Structure formats: C-alpha cells, structure tokens
Amino acid sequence: MLESTPAGARVFEGGVFLGMTPFTLRVDNQSLATVPRRLEVRRPGYATFVVPVSPSSSASVRVIAPLVASAPALPRPPRREVAPRVITAPTPTPAPQPPVTAPGFPNQIRRQR
C-alpha cells in the first residue's frame, strides 16, 4: 500500500501513470531481485517523492510518502509598458537669403579710405 500526505497524489513508474494515492501495487519479490523498481509520487505544488521498491520478507508493505510543499515560483516582474516613441523630422533650416536693399540703394557699400 502506498499512501501520501496529502492524499490524492499521482503515482508514476518510468513516466507511466499508475494511479492515485492511496495506491495498492502487487509485486513479485523474485522479479525485484533482478530488476528493482522506482515509483514517483507527484502532486502539483509539492516536491516529487521517490519510492524505491525492493524485495521484502513481509507479505504486504505500507509506505507513506510525506509530500513537502515546494517553494512557490517567483512571480515574473510585470512587463513595463513602453510608450511609443514619436520620431519627428528635424525642422529644416531656411537657406540664407540675400540682404534686402531699398530701391536705388547700392548693394555693396564701399569703404572710403
């Protein structure tokens, strides 16, 4: 008999689901002498409990798997919302304009010596 605390855990052998605890497994001691077996007791939120099954002199064996709560996974930090970037084109610099002169005024003023 394989029991667990808390009850209702899943029993696996070699990745194959066998049943839920409390679970009864009949084994042949002669076959265990050549090929030992290994059972895993799993329950969400608890660490896996491994039960090695070996030959026994007793007709029935009772195993209690005390499951230990596993540490909760650390929460993922929230995703930071990034505001969309607005890319603006630079303001064009106006081309230099020739100086404005009044009509009849010379464009160049000469310096007198």
Protein backbone atom coordinates (compact mmCIF):
# COMPACT_ATOMS: atom_id res chain seq x y z
CA MET A 1 0.00 0.00 0.00
CA LEU A 2 1.36 3.42 -0.98
CA GLU A 3 -0.20 6.42 0.71
CA SER A 4 0.66 10.11 0.67
CA THR A 5 0.02 13.09 2.85
CA PRO A 6 -1.87 14.87 1.46
CA ALA A 7 -3.74 12.07 -0.28
CA GLY A 8 -4.68 12.22 -3.95
CA ALA A 9 -1.18 12.34 -5.37
CA ARG A 10 -0.38 10.64 -8.68
CA VAL A 11 1.84 7.56 -8.79
CA PHE A 12 4.19 7.05 -11.74
CA GLU A 13 6.71 4.42 -12.77
CA GLY A 14 9.09 5.27 -15.59
CA GLY A 15 6.91 8.22 -16.56
CA VAL A 16 3.79 6.00 -16.85
CA PHE A 17 0.79 6.96 -14.71
CA LEU A 18 -0.26 4.04 -12.48
CA GLY A 19 -2.94 5.55 -10.25
CA MET A 20 -3.71 7.87 -7.35
CA THR A 21 -2.85 7.54 -3.66
CA PRO A 22 -3.84 5.56 -1.70
CA PHE A 23 -2.46 3.04 -4.20
CA THR A 24 -2.02 -0.72 -4.00
CA LEU A 25 0.76 -2.34 -6.00
CA ARG A 26 1.36 -6.09 -6.15
CA VAL A 27 4.93 -7.06 -6.84
CA ASP A 28 6.83 -10.32 -7.22
CA ASN A 29 9.85 -10.40 -4.89
CA GLN A 30 11.79 -12.64 -7.29
CA SER A 31 11.46 -10.14 -10.15
CA LEU A 32 12.50 -7.30 -7.83
CA ALA A 33 15.71 -9.16 -7.01
CA THR A 34 16.86 -8.77 -10.61
CA VAL A 35 15.14 -5.53 -11.65
CA PRO A 36 14.41 -3.06 -8.83
CA ARG A 37 11.56 -0.65 -9.39
CA ARG A 38 11.23 3.05 -8.67
CA LEU A 39 7.91 4.82 -8.12
CA GLU A 40 7.37 8.57 -8.10
CA VAL A 41 4.61 10.25 -6.11
CA ARG A 42 3.67 13.64 -7.59
CA ARG A 43 1.18 16.31 -6.69
CA PRO A 44 1.06 19.89 -8.05
CA GLY A 45 2.64 22.32 -5.58
CA TYR A 46 4.70 19.57 -3.90
CA ALA A 47 8.16 18.11 -4.44
CA THR A 48 8.26 14.67 -6.10
CA PHE A 49 8.69 11.82 -3.61
CA VAL A 50 10.67 8.82 -4.89
CA VAL A 51 9.92 5.31 -3.56
CA PRO A 52 12.48 2.60 -4.37
CA VAL A 53 10.70 -0.77 -4.44
CA SER A 54 12.90 -3.65 -3.33
CA PRO A 55 12.27 -7.25 -2.22
CA SER A 56 10.60 -7.62 1.18
CA SER A 57 10.26 -10.53 3.58
CA SER A 58 6.81 -9.30 4.52
CA ALA A 59 3.67 -10.20 2.55
CA SER A 60 2.48 -6.58 2.49
CA VAL A 61 4.25 -3.30 2.96
CA ARG A 62 2.76 0.09 3.76
CA VAL A 63 4.65 3.17 2.58
CA ILE A 64 3.58 6.69 3.47
CA ALA A 65 5.01 9.45 1.27
CA PRO A 66 5.06 12.73 3.23
CA LEU A 67 4.88 15.29 0.44
CA VAL A 68 6.66 18.57 1.08
CA ALA A 69 5.23 21.76 -0.38
CA SER A 70 7.59 23.18 -2.96
CA ALA A 71 8.63 26.81 -2.87
CA PRO A 72 6.30 28.90 -4.97
CA ALA A 73 7.80 30.14 -8.18
CA LEU A 74 8.88 33.73 -8.04
CA PRO A 75 6.39 35.94 -9.82
CA ARG A 76 7.60 37.40 -13.05
CA PRO A 77 8.05 41.12 -12.91
CA PRO A 78 5.30 42.95 -14.76
CA ARG A 79 6.10 43.95 -18.28
CA ARG A 80 6.96 47.55 -18.48
CA GLU A 81 4.74 49.37 -20.86
CA VAL A 82 6.83 51.49 -23.14
CA ALA A 83 5.17 54.50 -24.66
CA PRO A 84 5.59 54.59 -28.41
CA ARG A 85 8.32 56.94 -29.50
CA VAL A 86 7.33 59.67 -31.89
CA ILE A 87 10.13 60.42 -34.28
CA THR A 88 9.90 63.81 -35.90
CA ALA A 89 11.96 65.07 -38.76
CA PRO A 90 14.21 67.98 -37.88
CA THR A 91 12.87 71.39 -38.81
CA PRO A 92 14.62 72.45 -41.99
CA THR A 93 16.86 75.47 -41.70
CA PRO A 94 15.92 78.05 -44.31
CA ALA A 95 18.55 78.81 -46.91
CA PRO A 96 20.29 82.16 -46.39
CA GLN A 97 18.62 84.94 -48.32
CA PRO A 98 20.48 87.87 -49.88
CA PRO A 99 20.07 91.06 -47.89
CA VAL A 100 17.14 93.17 -48.84
CA THR A 101 18.04 96.62 -50.10
CA ALA A 102 15.87 99.57 -50.81
CA PRO A 103 15.43 100.51 -54.47
CA GLY A 104 18.25 102.70 -55.70
CA PHE A 105 20.47 101.81 -52.76
CA PRO A 106 23.76 100.22 -53.70
CA ASN A 107 24.03 96.52 -52.91
CA GLN A 108 27.54 96.97 -51.67
CA ILE A 109 28.82 99.78 -49.62
CA ARG A 110 32.43 100.60 -50.24
CA ARG A 111 34.57 101.87 -47.58
CA GLN A 112 36.33 105.03 -48.28
CA ARG A 113 39.92 105.45 -47.40
